Amino acid sequence: LAVTITSILGALLLFNFAPALPATWRIGSLAVFALLGGAMAMLVIQM
């Protein structure tokens, strides 16, 4: 549930704060968001 909601909100925030971001930068930003989000989520849930 947490992953689903935050993933959609992350995509929305990226469009709100950087609507004119090029496609490669947008994909890279989402990749960084996913890596850091997964690491922090498991740091909280597991550790």
All heavy atoms as atom14 arrays in JSON, in Angstrom:
{
  "sequence": "LAVTITSILGALLLFNFAPALPATWRIGSLAVFALLGGAMAMLVIQM",
  "atom14_mask": [
    [1, 1, 1, 1, 1, 1, 1, 1, 0, 0, 0, 0, 0, 0],
    [1, 1, 1, 1, 1, 0, 0, 0, 0, 0, 0, 0, 0, 0],
    [1, 1, 1, 1, 1, 1, 1, 0, 0, 0, 0, 0, 0, 0],
    [1, 1, 1, 1, 1, 1, 1, 0, 0, 0, 0, 0, 0, 0],
    [1, 1, 1, 1, 1, 1, 1, 1, 0, 0, 0, 0, 0, 0],
    [1, 1, 1, 1, 1, 1, 1, 0, 0, 0, 0, 0, 0, 0],
    [1, 1, 1, 1, 1, 1, 0, 0, 0, 0, 0, 0, 0, 0],
    [1, 1, 1, 1, 1, 1, 1, 1, 0, 0, 0, 0, 0, 0],
    [1, 1, 1, 1, 1, 1, 1, 1, 0, 0, 0, 0, 0, 0],
    [1, 1, 1, 1, 0, 0, 0, 0, 0, 0, 0, 0, 0, 0],
    [1, 1, 1, 1, 1, 0, 0, 0, 0, 0, 0, 0, 0, 0],
    [1, 1, 1, 1, 1, 1, 1, 1, 0, 0, 0, 0, 0, 0],
    [1, 1, 1, 1, 1, 1, 1, 1, 0, 0, 0, 0, 0, 0],
    [1, 1, 1, 1, 1, 1, 1, 1, 0, 0, 0, 0, 0, 0],
    [1, 1, 1, 1, 1, 1, 1, 1, 1, 1, 1, 0, 0, 0],
    [1, 1, 1, 1, 1, 1, 1, 1, 0, 0, 0, 0, 0, 0],
    [1, 1, 1, 1, 1, 1, 1, 1, 1, 1, 1, 0, 0, 0],
    [1, 1, 1, 1, 1, 0, 0, 0, 0, 0, 0, 0, 0, 0],
    [1, 1, 1, 1, 1, 1, 1, 0, 0, 0, 0, 0, 0, 0],
    [1, 1, 1, 1, 1, 0, 0, 0, 0, 0, 0, 0, 0, 0],
    [1, 1, 1, 1, 1, 1, 1, 1, 0, 0, 0, 0, 0, 0],
    [1, 1, 1, 1, 1, 1, 1, 0, 0, 0, 0, 0, 0, 0],
    [1, 1, 1, 1, 1, 0, 0, 0, 0, 0, 0, 0, 0, 0],
    [1, 1, 1, 1, 1, 1, 1, 0, 0, 0, 0, 0, 0, 0],
    [1, 1, 1, 1, 1, 1, 1, 1, 1, 1, 1, 1, 1, 1],
    [1, 1, 1, 1, 1, 1, 1, 1, 1, 1, 1, 0, 0, 0],
    [1, 1, 1, 1, 1, 1, 1, 1, 0, 0, 0, 0, 0, 0],
    [1, 1, 1, 1, 0, 0, 0, 0, 0, 0, 0, 0, 0, 0],
    [1, 1, 1, 1, 1, 1, 0, 0, 0, 0, 0, 0, 0, 0],
    [1, 1, 1, 1, 1, 1, 1, 1, 0, 0, 0, 0, 0, 0],
    [1, 1, 1, 1, 1, 0, 0, 0, 0, 0, 0, 0, 0, 0],
    [1, 1, 1, 1, 1, 1, 1, 0, 0, 0, 0, 0, 0, 0],
    [1, 1, 1, 1, 1, 1, 1, 1, 1, 1, 1, 0, 0, 0],
    [1, 1, 1, 1, 1, 0, 0, 0, 0, 0, 0, 0, 0, 0],
    [1, 1, 1, 1, 1, 1, 1, 1, 0, 0, 0, 0, 0, 0],
    [1, 1, 1, 1, 1, 1, 1, 1, 0, 0, 0, 0, 0, 0],
    [1, 1, 1, 1, 0, 0, 0, 0, 0, 0, 0, 0, 0, 0],
    [1, 1, 1, 1, 0, 0, 0, 0, 0, 0, 0, 0, 0, 0],
    [1, 1, 1, 1, 1, 0, 0, 0, 0, 0, 0, 0, 0, 0],
    [1, 1, 1, 1, 1, 1, 1, 1, 0, 0, 0, 0, 0, 0],
    [1, 1, 1, 1, 1, 0, 0, 0, 0, 0, 0, 0, 0, 0],
    [1, 1, 1, 1, 1, 1, 1, 1, 0, 0, 0, 0, 0, 0],
    [1, 1, 1, 1, 1, 1, 1, 1, 0, 0, 0, 0, 0, 0],
    [1, 1, 1, 1, 1, 1, 1, 0, 0, 0, 0, 0, 0, 0],
    [1, 1, 1, 1, 1, 1, 1, 1, 0, 0, 0, 0, 0, 0],
    [1, 1, 1, 1, 1, 1, 1, 1, 1, 0, 0, 0, 0, 0],
    [1, 1, 1, 1, 1, 1, 1, 1, 0, 0, 0, 0, 0, 0]
  ],
  "atom14_positions": [
    [[0.83, -1.21, 0.0], [0.0, 0.0, 0.0], [0.87, 1.26, 0.0], [0.61, 2.21, -0.76], [-0.92, -0.02, 1.22], [-1.97, 1.08, 1.32], [-2.95, 1.0, 0.17], [-2.71, 0.98, 2.66], [0.0, 0.0, 0.0], [0.0, 0.0, 0.0], [0.0, 0.0, 0.0], [0.0, 0.0, 0.0], [0.0, 0.0, 0.0], [0.0, 0.0, 0.0]],
    [[1.9, 1.26, 0.85], [2.78, 2.43, 0.92], [3.54, 2.64, -0.38], [3.68, 3.78, -0.87], [3.75, 2.27, 2.09], [0.0, 0.0, 0.0], [0.0, 0.0, 0.0], [0.0, 0.0, 0.0], [0.0, 0.0, 0.0], [0.0, 0.0, 0.0], [0.0, 0.0, 0.0], [0.0, 0.0, 0.0], [0.0, 0.0, 0.0], [0.0, 0.0, 0.0]],
    [[4.05, 1.56, -0.97], [4.8, 1.67, -2.22], [3.91, 2.2, -3.34], [4.32, 3.06, -4.14], [5.41, 0.3, -2.59], [5.88, 0.3, -4.04], [6.57, -0.03, -1.66], [0.0, 0.0, 0.0], [0.0, 0.0, 0.0], [0.0, 0.0, 0.0], [0.0, 0.0, 0.0], [0.0, 0.0, 0.0], [0.0, 0.0, 0.0], [0.0, 0.0, 0.0]],
    [[2.68, 1.72, -3.42], [1.78, 2.15, -4.49], [1.46, 3.63, -4.39], [1.56, 4.38, -5.38], [0.48, 1.33, -4.43], [0.79, -0.07, -4.56], [-0.46, 1.73, -5.55], [0.0, 0.0, 0.0], [0.0, 0.0, 0.0], [0.0, 0.0, 0.0], [0.0, 0.0, 0.0], [0.0, 0.0, 0.0], [0.0, 0.0, 0.0], [0.0, 0.0, 0.0]],
    [[1.08, 4.08, -3.21], [0.68, 5.49, -3.04], [1.87, 6.42, -3.28], [1.76, 7.41, -4.02], [0.08, 5.71, -1.65], [-1.23, 4.91, -1.51], [-0.18, 7.18, -1.39], [-1.83, 4.97, -0.13], [0.0, 0.0, 0.0], [0.0, 0.0, 0.0], [0.0, 0.0, 0.0], [0.0, 0.0, 0.0], [0.0, 0.0, 0.0], [0.0, 0.0, 0.0]],
    [[3.0, 6.13, -2.66], [4.15, 7.02, -2.79], [4.73, 7.02, -4.21], [5.26, 8.05, -4.65], [5.24, 6.63, -1.78], [5.57, 5.23, -1.95], [4.76, 6.86, -0.37], [0.0, 0.0, 0.0], [0.0, 0.0, 0.0], [0.0, 0.0, 0.0], [0.0, 0.0, 0.0], [0.0, 0.0, 0.0], [0.0, 0.0, 0.0], [0.0, 0.0, 0.0]],
    [[4.62, 5.93, -4.93], [5.12, 5.91, -6.3], [4.31, 6.85, -7.19], [4.87, 7.6, -8.0], [5.07, 4.48, -6.86], [5.87, 3.61, -6.09], [0.0, 0.0, 0.0], [0.0, 0.0, 0.0], [0.0, 0.0, 0.0], [0.0, 0.0, 0.0], [0.0, 0.0, 0.0], [0.0, 0.0, 0.0], [0.0, 0.0, 0.0], [0.0, 0.0, 0.0]],
    [[2.99, 6.82, -7.05], [2.15, 7.71, -7.85], [2.38, 9.16, -7.44], [2.49, 10.05, -8.31], [0.67, 7.32, -7.68], [0.44, 5.88, -8.15], [-0.23, 8.28, -8.46], [-0.95, 5.37, -7.89], [0.0, 0.0, 0.0], [0.0, 0.0, 0.0], [0.0, 0.0, 0.0], [0.0, 0.0, 0.0], [0.0, 0.0, 0.0], [0.0, 0.0, 0.0]],
    [[2.48, 9.42, -6.16], [2.72, 10.79, -5.7], [4.09, 11.28, -6.15], [4.26, 12.47, -6.48], [2.61, 10.86, -4.18], [1.21, 10.64, -3.59], [1.25, 10.72, -2.08], [0.23, 11.65, -4.15], [0.0, 0.0, 0.0], [0.0, 0.0, 0.0], [0.0, 0.0, 0.0], [0.0, 0.0, 0.0], [0.0, 0.0, 0.0], [0.0, 0.0, 0.0]],
    [[5.08, 10.4, -6.18], [6.4, 10.8, -6.66], [6.37, 11.22, -8.12], [7.0, 12.22, -8.51], [0.0, 0.0, 0.0], [0.0, 0.0, 0.0], [0.0, 0.0, 0.0], [0.0, 0.0, 0.0], [0.0, 0.0, 0.0], [0.0, 0.0, 0.0], [0.0, 0.0, 0.0], [0.0, 0.0, 0.0], [0.0, 0.0, 0.0], [0.0, 0.0, 0.0]],
    [[5.63, 10.48, -8.95], [5.49, 10.86, -10.36], [4.78, 12.2, -10.49], [5.14, 13.05, -11.32], [4.74, 9.77, -11.11], [0.0, 0.0, 0.0], [0.0, 0.0, 0.0], [0.0, 0.0, 0.0], [0.0, 0.0, 0.0], [0.0, 0.0, 0.0], [0.0, 0.0, 0.0], [0.0, 0.0, 0.0], [0.0, 0.0, 0.0], [0.0, 0.0, 0.0]],
    [[3.75, 12.41, -9.66], [3.01, 13.68, -9.7], [3.89, 14.85, -9.28], [3.88, 15.92, -9.91], [1.78, 13.58, -8.81], [0.95, 14.86, -8.64], [0.4, 15.32, -9.99], [-0.18, 14.63, -7.64], [0.0, 0.0, 0.0], [0.0, 0.0, 0.0], [0.0, 0.0, 0.0], [0.0, 0.0, 0.0], [0.0, 0.0, 0.0], [0.0, 0.0, 0.0]],
    [[4.65, 14.67, -8.21], [5.52, 15.76, -7.74], [6.58, 16.12, -8.78], [6.93, 17.29, -8.94], [6.19, 15.34, -6.43], [5.28, 15.25, -5.2], [6.06, 14.7, -4.01], [4.68, 16.6, -4.88], [0.0, 0.0, 0.0], [0.0, 0.0, 0.0], [0.0, 0.0, 0.0], [0.0, 0.0, 0.0], [0.0, 0.0, 0.0], [0.0, 0.0, 0.0]],
    [[7.07, 15.13, -9.49], [8.09, 15.4, -10.51], [7.51, 16.27, -11.62], [8.17, 17.18, -12.12], [8.62, 14.09, -11.07], [9.8, 14.19, -12.04], [10.99, 14.84, -11.35], [10.18, 12.81, -12.57], [0.0, 0.0, 0.0], [0.0, 0.0, 0.0], [0.0, 0.0, 0.0], [0.0, 0.0, 0.0], [0.0, 0.0, 0.0], [0.0, 0.0, 0.0]],
    [[6.26, 16.04, -12.0], [5.63, 16.87, -13.02], [5.3, 18.26, -12.49], [5.37, 19.24, -13.22], [4.35, 16.19, -13.53], [4.59, 15.33, -14.74], [4.72, 13.96, -14.6], [4.7, 15.88, -16.0], [4.95, 13.16, -15.7], [4.92, 15.09, -17.11], [5.05, 13.73, -16.96], [0.0, 0.0, 0.0], [0.0, 0.0, 0.0], [0.0, 0.0, 0.0]],
    [[4.94, 18.35, -11.21], [4.61, 19.66, -10.65], [5.84, 20.55, -10.53], [5.79, 21.74, -10.85], [3.96, 19.49, -9.27], [2.51, 19.06, -9.38], [1.9, 19.18, -10.43], [1.97, 18.55, -8.29], [0.0, 0.0, 0.0], [0.0, 0.0, 0.0], [0.0, 0.0, 0.0], [0.0, 0.0, 0.0], [0.0, 0.0, 0.0], [0.0, 0.0, 0.0]],
    [[6.95, 20.0, -10.05], [8.14, 20.81, -9.82], [9.02, 20.96, -11.05], [9.8, 21.92, -11.13], [8.96, 20.2, -8.67], [8.29, 20.31, -7.33], [8.02, 19.17, -6.59], [7.93, 21.54, -6.82], [7.39, 19.26, -5.35], [7.31, 21.63, -5.59], [7.05, 20.51, -4.85], [0.0, 0.0, 0.0], [0.0, 0.0, 0.0], [0.0, 0.0, 0.0]],
    [[8.92, 20.04, -11.99], [9.75, 20.11, -13.19], [8.93, 19.68, -14.41], [9.17, 18.61, -14.99], [11.0, 19.24, -13.04], [0.0, 0.0, 0.0], [0.0, 0.0, 0.0], [0.0, 0.0, 0.0], [0.0, 0.0, 0.0], [0.0, 0.0, 0.0], [0.0, 0.0, 0.0], [0.0, 0.0, 0.0], [0.0, 0.0, 0.0], [0.0, 0.0, 0.0]],
    [[7.94, 20.49, -14.81], [7.07, 20.08, -15.92], [7.78, 20.0, -17.26], [7.37, 19.25, -18.14], [5.98, 21.17, -15.93], [6.62, 22.35, -15.28], [7.55, 21.8, -14.26], [0.0, 0.0, 0.0], [0.0, 0.0, 0.0], [0.0, 0.0, 0.0], [0.0, 0.0, 0.0], [0.0, 0.0, 0.0], [0.0, 0.0, 0.0], [0.0, 0.0, 0.0]],
    [[8.84, 20.8, -17.46], [9.53, 20.83, -18.75], [10.79, 19.97, -18.77], [11.64, 20.13, -19.65], [9.89, 22.28, -19.11], [0.0, 0.0, 0.0], [0.0, 0.0, 0.0], [0.0, 0.0, 0.0], [0.0, 0.0, 0.0], [0.0, 0.0, 0.0], [0.0, 0.0, 0.0], [0.0, 0.0, 0.0], [0.0, 0.0, 0.0], [0.0, 0.0, 0.0]],
    [[10.92, 19.06, -17.83], [12.12, 18.23, -17.75], [12.21, 17.31, -18.96], [11.22, 16.68, -19.34], [12.08, 17.4, -16.47], [13.41, 16.84, -15.94], [14.33, 17.96, -15.52], [13.13, 15.91, -14.75], [0.0, 0.0, 0.0], [0.0, 0.0, 0.0], [0.0, 0.0, 0.0], [0.0, 0.0, 0.0], [0.0, 0.0, 0.0], [0.0, 0.0, 0.0]],
    [[13.38, 17.22, -19.62], [13.51, 16.29, -20.76], [13.26, 14.85, -20.33], [13.37, 14.49, -19.15], [14.96, 16.51, -21.22], [15.34, 17.86, -20.69], [14.59, 18.02, -19.4], [0.0, 0.0, 0.0], [0.0, 0.0, 0.0], [0.0, 0.0, 0.0], [0.0, 0.0, 0.0], [0.0, 0.0, 0.0], [0.0, 0.0, 0.0], [0.0, 0.0, 0.0]],
    [[12.93, 14.03, -21.31], [12.56, 12.64, -21.02], [13.68, 11.87, -20.33], [13.44, 11.14, -19.37], [12.15, 11.94, -22.31], [0.0, 0.0, 0.0], [0.0, 0.0, 0.0], [0.0, 0.0, 0.0], [0.0, 0.0, 0.0], [0.0, 0.0, 0.0], [0.0, 0.0, 0.0], [0.0, 0.0, 0.0], [0.0, 0.0, 0.0], [0.0, 0.0, 0.0]],
    [[14.92, 12.04, -20.81], [16.02, 11.3, -20.2], [16.24, 11.73, -18.75], [16.5, 10.88, -17.88], [17.3, 11.53, -21.01], [17.52, 12.95, -21.16], [17.18, 10.9, -22.39], [0.0, 0.0, 0.0], [0.0, 0.0, 0.0], [0.0, 0.0, 0.0], [0.0, 0.0, 0.0], [0.0, 0.0, 0.0], [0.0, 0.0, 0.0], [0.0, 0.0, 0.0]],
    [[16.12, 13.02, -18.48], [16.26, 13.5, -17.11], [15.1, 13.02, -16.25], [15.28, 12.7, -15.07], [16.34, 15.03, -17.1], [17.67, 15.56, -17.51], [18.13, 15.72, -18.78], [18.72, 15.98, -16.64], [19.4, 16.21, -18.77], [19.8, 16.4, -17.47], [18.87, 16.06, -15.25], [20.99, 16.87, -16.95], [20.06, 16.54, -14.75], [21.1, 16.93, -15.58]],
    [[13.9, 12.97, -16.82], [12.74, 12.51, -16.05], [12.9, 11.03, -15.69], [12.62, 10.62, -14.56], [11.46, 12.74, -16.84], [10.18, 12.54, -16.03], [8.97, 12.91, -16.86], [9.03, 14.28, -17.32], [8.69, 15.32, -16.59], [8.27, 15.15, -15.35], [8.77, 16.54, -17.09], [0.0, 0.0, 0.0], [0.0, 0.0, 0.0], [0.0, 0.0, 0.0]],
    [[13.33, 10.22, -16.64], [13.54, 8.8, -16.37], [14.65, 8.62, -15.34], [14.52, 7.8, -14.41], [13.87, 8.06, -17.68], [12.68, 8.11, -18.63], [14.26, 6.61, -17.4], [12.99, 7.63, -20.03], [0.0, 0.0, 0.0], [0.0, 0.0, 0.0], [0.0, 0.0, 0.0], [0.0, 0.0, 0.0], [0.0, 0.0, 0.0], [0.0, 0.0, 0.0]],
    [[15.73, 9.36, -15.49], [16.8, 9.27, -14.51], [16.36, 9.71, -13.12], [16.74, 9.08, -12.11], [0.0, 0.0, 0.0], [0.0, 0.0, 0.0], [0.0, 0.0, 0.0], [0.0, 0.0, 0.0], [0.0, 0.0, 0.0], [0.0, 0.0, 0.0], [0.0, 0.0, 0.0], [0.0, 0.0, 0.0], [0.0, 0.0, 0.0], [0.0, 0.0, 0.0]],
    [[15.54, 10.75, -13.05], [15.04, 11.21, -11.75], [14.16, 10.15, -11.1], [14.25, 9.91, -9.88], [14.26, 12.51, -11.92], [15.08, 13.53, -12.46], [0.0, 0.0, 0.0], [0.0, 0.0, 0.0], [0.0, 0.0, 0.0], [0.0, 0.0, 0.0], [0.0, 0.0, 0.0], [0.0, 0.0, 0.0], [0.0, 0.0, 0.0], [0.0, 0.0, 0.0]],
    [[13.31, 9.51, -11.9], [12.47, 8.44, -11.36], [13.31, 7.25, -10.9], [12.98, 6.6, -9.89], [11.45, 8.0, -12.41], [10.34, 9.0, -12.74], [9.47, 8.48, -13.87], [9.48, 9.27, -11.5], [0.0, 0.0, 0.0], [0.0, 0.0, 0.0], [0.0, 0.0, 0.0], [0.0, 0.0, 0.0], [0.0, 0.0, 0.0], [0.0, 0.0, 0.0]],
    [[14.39, 6.95, -11.62], [15.26, 5.85, -11.22], [15.94, 6.15, -9.88], [16.02, 5.28, -8.99], [16.3, 5.58, -12.3], [0.0, 0.0, 0.0], [0.0, 0.0, 0.0], [0.0, 0.0, 0.0], [0.0, 0.0, 0.0], [0.0, 0.0, 0.0], [0.0, 0.0, 0.0], [0.0, 0.0, 0.0], [0.0, 0.0, 0.0], [0.0, 0.0, 0.0]],
    [[16.44, 7.37, -9.73], [17.05, 7.76, -8.45], [16.01, 7.73, -7.33], [16.29, 7.25, -6.21], [17.69, 9.16, -8.57], [18.19, 9.63, -7.22], [18.82, 9.13, -9.58], [0.0, 0.0, 0.0], [0.0, 0.0, 0.0], [0.0, 0.0, 0.0], [0.0, 0.0, 0.0], [0.0, 0.0, 0.0], [0.0, 0.0, 0.0], [0.0, 0.0, 0.0]],
    [[14.82, 8.24, -7.62], [13.73, 8.21, -6.64], [13.41, 6.78, -6.21], [13.21, 6.49, -5.02], [12.5, 8.89, -7.23], [11.21, 8.55, -6.55], [10.97, 8.93, -5.23], [10.21, 7.87, -7.22], [9.77, 8.62, -4.6], [9.01, 7.55, -6.6], [8.8, 7.92, -5.28], [0.0, 0.0, 0.0], [0.0, 0.0, 0.0], [0.0, 0.0, 0.0]],
    [[13.38, 5.86, -7.18], [13.06, 4.47, -6.87], [14.16, 3.82, -6.03], [13.88, 3.12, -5.04], [12.84, 3.69, -8.16], [0.0, 0.0, 0.0], [0.0, 0.0, 0.0], [0.0, 0.0, 0.0], [0.0, 0.0, 0.0], [0.0, 0.0, 0.0], [0.0, 0.0, 0.0], [0.0, 0.0, 0.0], [0.0, 0.0, 0.0], [0.0, 0.0, 0.0]],
    [[15.41, 4.05, -6.4], [16.52, 3.44, -5.66], [16.58, 3.96, -4.22], [16.68, 3.17, -3.27], [17.84, 3.72, -6.38], [18.05, 2.97, -7.7], [19.31, 3.47, -8.39], [18.13, 1.47, -7.45], [0.0, 0.0, 0.0], [0.0, 0.0, 0.0], [0.0, 0.0, 0.0], [0.0, 0.0, 0.0], [0.0, 0.0, 0.0], [0.0, 0.0, 0.0]],
    [[16.5, 5.27, -4.07], [16.54, 5.83, -2.72], [15.28, 5.47, -1.93], [15.35, 5.2, -0.73], [16.71, 7.35, -2.8], [18.03, 7.85, -3.38], [18.05, 9.37, -3.42], [19.22, 7.32, -2.58], [0.0, 0.0, 0.0], [0.0, 0.0, 0.0], [0.0, 0.0, 0.0], [0.0, 0.0, 0.0], [0.0, 0.0, 0.0], [0.0, 0.0, 0.0]],
    [[14.14, 5.48, -2.61], [12.9, 5.13, -1.93], [12.9, 3.69, -1.45], [12.48, 3.4, -0.31], [0.0, 0.0, 0.0], [0.0, 0.0, 0.0], [0.0, 0.0, 0.0], [0.0, 0.0, 0.0], [0.0, 0.0, 0.0], [0.0, 0.0, 0.0], [0.0, 0.0, 0.0], [0.0, 0.0, 0.0], [0.0, 0.0, 0.0], [0.0, 0.0, 0.0]],
    [[13.36, 2.76, -2.3], [13.44, 1.36, -1.89], [14.41, 1.16, -0.74], [14.14, 0.4, 0.2], [0.0, 0.0, 0.0], [0.0, 0.0, 0.0], [0.0, 0.0, 0.0], [0.0, 0.0, 0.0], [0.0, 0.0, 0.0], [0.0, 0.0, 0.0], [0.0, 0.0, 0.0], [0.0, 0.0, 0.0], [0.0, 0.0, 0.0], [0.0, 0.0, 0.0]],
    [[15.56, 1.84, -0.81], [16.55, 1.71, 0.26], [16.02, 2.24, 1.59], [16.17, 1.6, 2.64], [17.83, 2.44, -0.13], [0.0, 0.0, 0.0], [0.0, 0.0, 0.0], [0.0, 0.0, 0.0], [0.0, 0.0, 0.0], [0.0, 0.0, 0.0], [0.0, 0.0, 0.0], [0.0, 0.0, 0.0], [0.0, 0.0, 0.0], [0.0, 0.0, 0.0]],
    [[15.38, 3.41, 1.55], [14.88, 4.0, 2.79], [13.68, 3.23, 3.33], [13.54, 3.06, 4.55], [14.5, 5.46, 2.55], [15.68, 6.37, 2.23], [16.95, 6.32, 3.52], [16.03, 6.92, 4.93], [0.0, 0.0, 0.0], [0.0, 0.0, 0.0], [0.0, 0.0, 0.0], [0.0, 0.0, 0.0], [0.0, 0.0, 0.0], [0.0, 0.0, 0.0]],
    [[12.82, 2.74, 2.44], [11.65, 1.98, 2.9], [12.09, 0.71, 3.63], [11.59, 0.39, 4.72], [10.75, 1.63, 1.71], [0.0, 0.0, 0.0], [0.0, 0.0, 0.0], [0.0, 0.0, 0.0], [0.0, 0.0, 0.0], [0.0, 0.0, 0.0], [0.0, 0.0, 0.0], [0.0, 0.0, 0.0], [0.0, 0.0, 0.0], [0.0, 0.0, 0.0]],
    [[13.03, -0.02, 3.05], [13.49, -1.25, 3.71], [14.35, -0.95, 4.93], [14.42, -1.77, 5.85], [14.27, -2.1, 2.71], [13.38, -2.75, 1.67], [12.1, -3.83, 2.4], [10.62, -2.84, 2.13], [0.0, 0.0, 0.0], [0.0, 0.0, 0.0], [0.0, 0.0, 0.0], [0.0, 0.0, 0.0], [0.0, 0.0, 0.0], [0.0, 0.0, 0.0]],
    [[15.0, 0.21, 4.95], [15.74, 0.6, 6.14], [14.8, 0.76, 7.32], [15.1, 0.34, 8.44], [16.51, 1.9, 5.88], [17.4, 2.41, 7.02], [18.54, 1.44, 7.27], [17.94, 3.8, 6.71], [0.0, 0.0, 0.0], [0.0, 0.0, 0.0], [0.0, 0.0, 0.0], [0.0, 0.0, 0.0], [0.0, 0.0, 0.0], [0.0, 0.0, 0.0]],
    [[13.63, 1.35, 7.06], [12.65, 1.54, 8.12], [11.96, 0.21, 8.46], [11.86, -0.18, 9.63], [11.6, 2.59, 7.7], [10.47, 2.67, 8.71], [12.27, 3.96, 7.55], [0.0, 0.0, 0.0], [0.0, 0.0, 0.0], [0.0, 0.0, 0.0], [0.0, 0.0, 0.0], [0.0, 0.0, 0.0], [0.0, 0.0, 0.0], [0.0, 0.0, 0.0]],
    [[11.47, -0.49, 7.42], [10.66, -1.7, 7.65], [11.5, -2.84, 8.2], [11.1, -3.53, 9.15], [9.96, -2.12, 6.35], [8.96, -1.05, 5.92], [9.25, -3.47, 6.52], [8.35, -1.29, 4.56], [0.0, 0.0, 0.0], [0.0, 0.0, 0.0], [0.0, 0.0, 0.0], [0.0, 0.0, 0.0], [0.0, 0.0, 0.0], [0.0, 0.0, 0.0]],
    [[12.68, -3.04, 7.63], [13.49, -4.19, 8.03], [14.45, -3.87, 9.17], [14.49, -4.6, 10.16], [14.28, -4.72, 6.83], [14.92, -6.07, 7.08], [15.66, -6.57, 5.85], [16.58, -5.93, 5.37], [15.25, -7.73, 5.35], [0.0, 0.0, 0.0], [0.0, 0.0, 0.0], [0.0, 0.0, 0.0], [0.0, 0.0, 0.0], [0.0, 0.0, 0.0]],
    [[15.19, -2.78, 9.03], [16.21, -2.48, 10.03], [15.63, -1.85, 11.29], [15.98, -2.24, 12.41], [17.27, -1.55, 9.42], [18.0, -2.14, 8.25], [18.99, -3.57, 8.73], [19.85, -3.93, 7.19], [0.0, 0.0, 0.0], [0.0, 0.0, 0.0], [0.0, 0.0, 0.0], [0.0, 0.0, 0.0], [0.0, 0.0, 0.0], [0.0, 0.0, 0.0]]
  ]
}
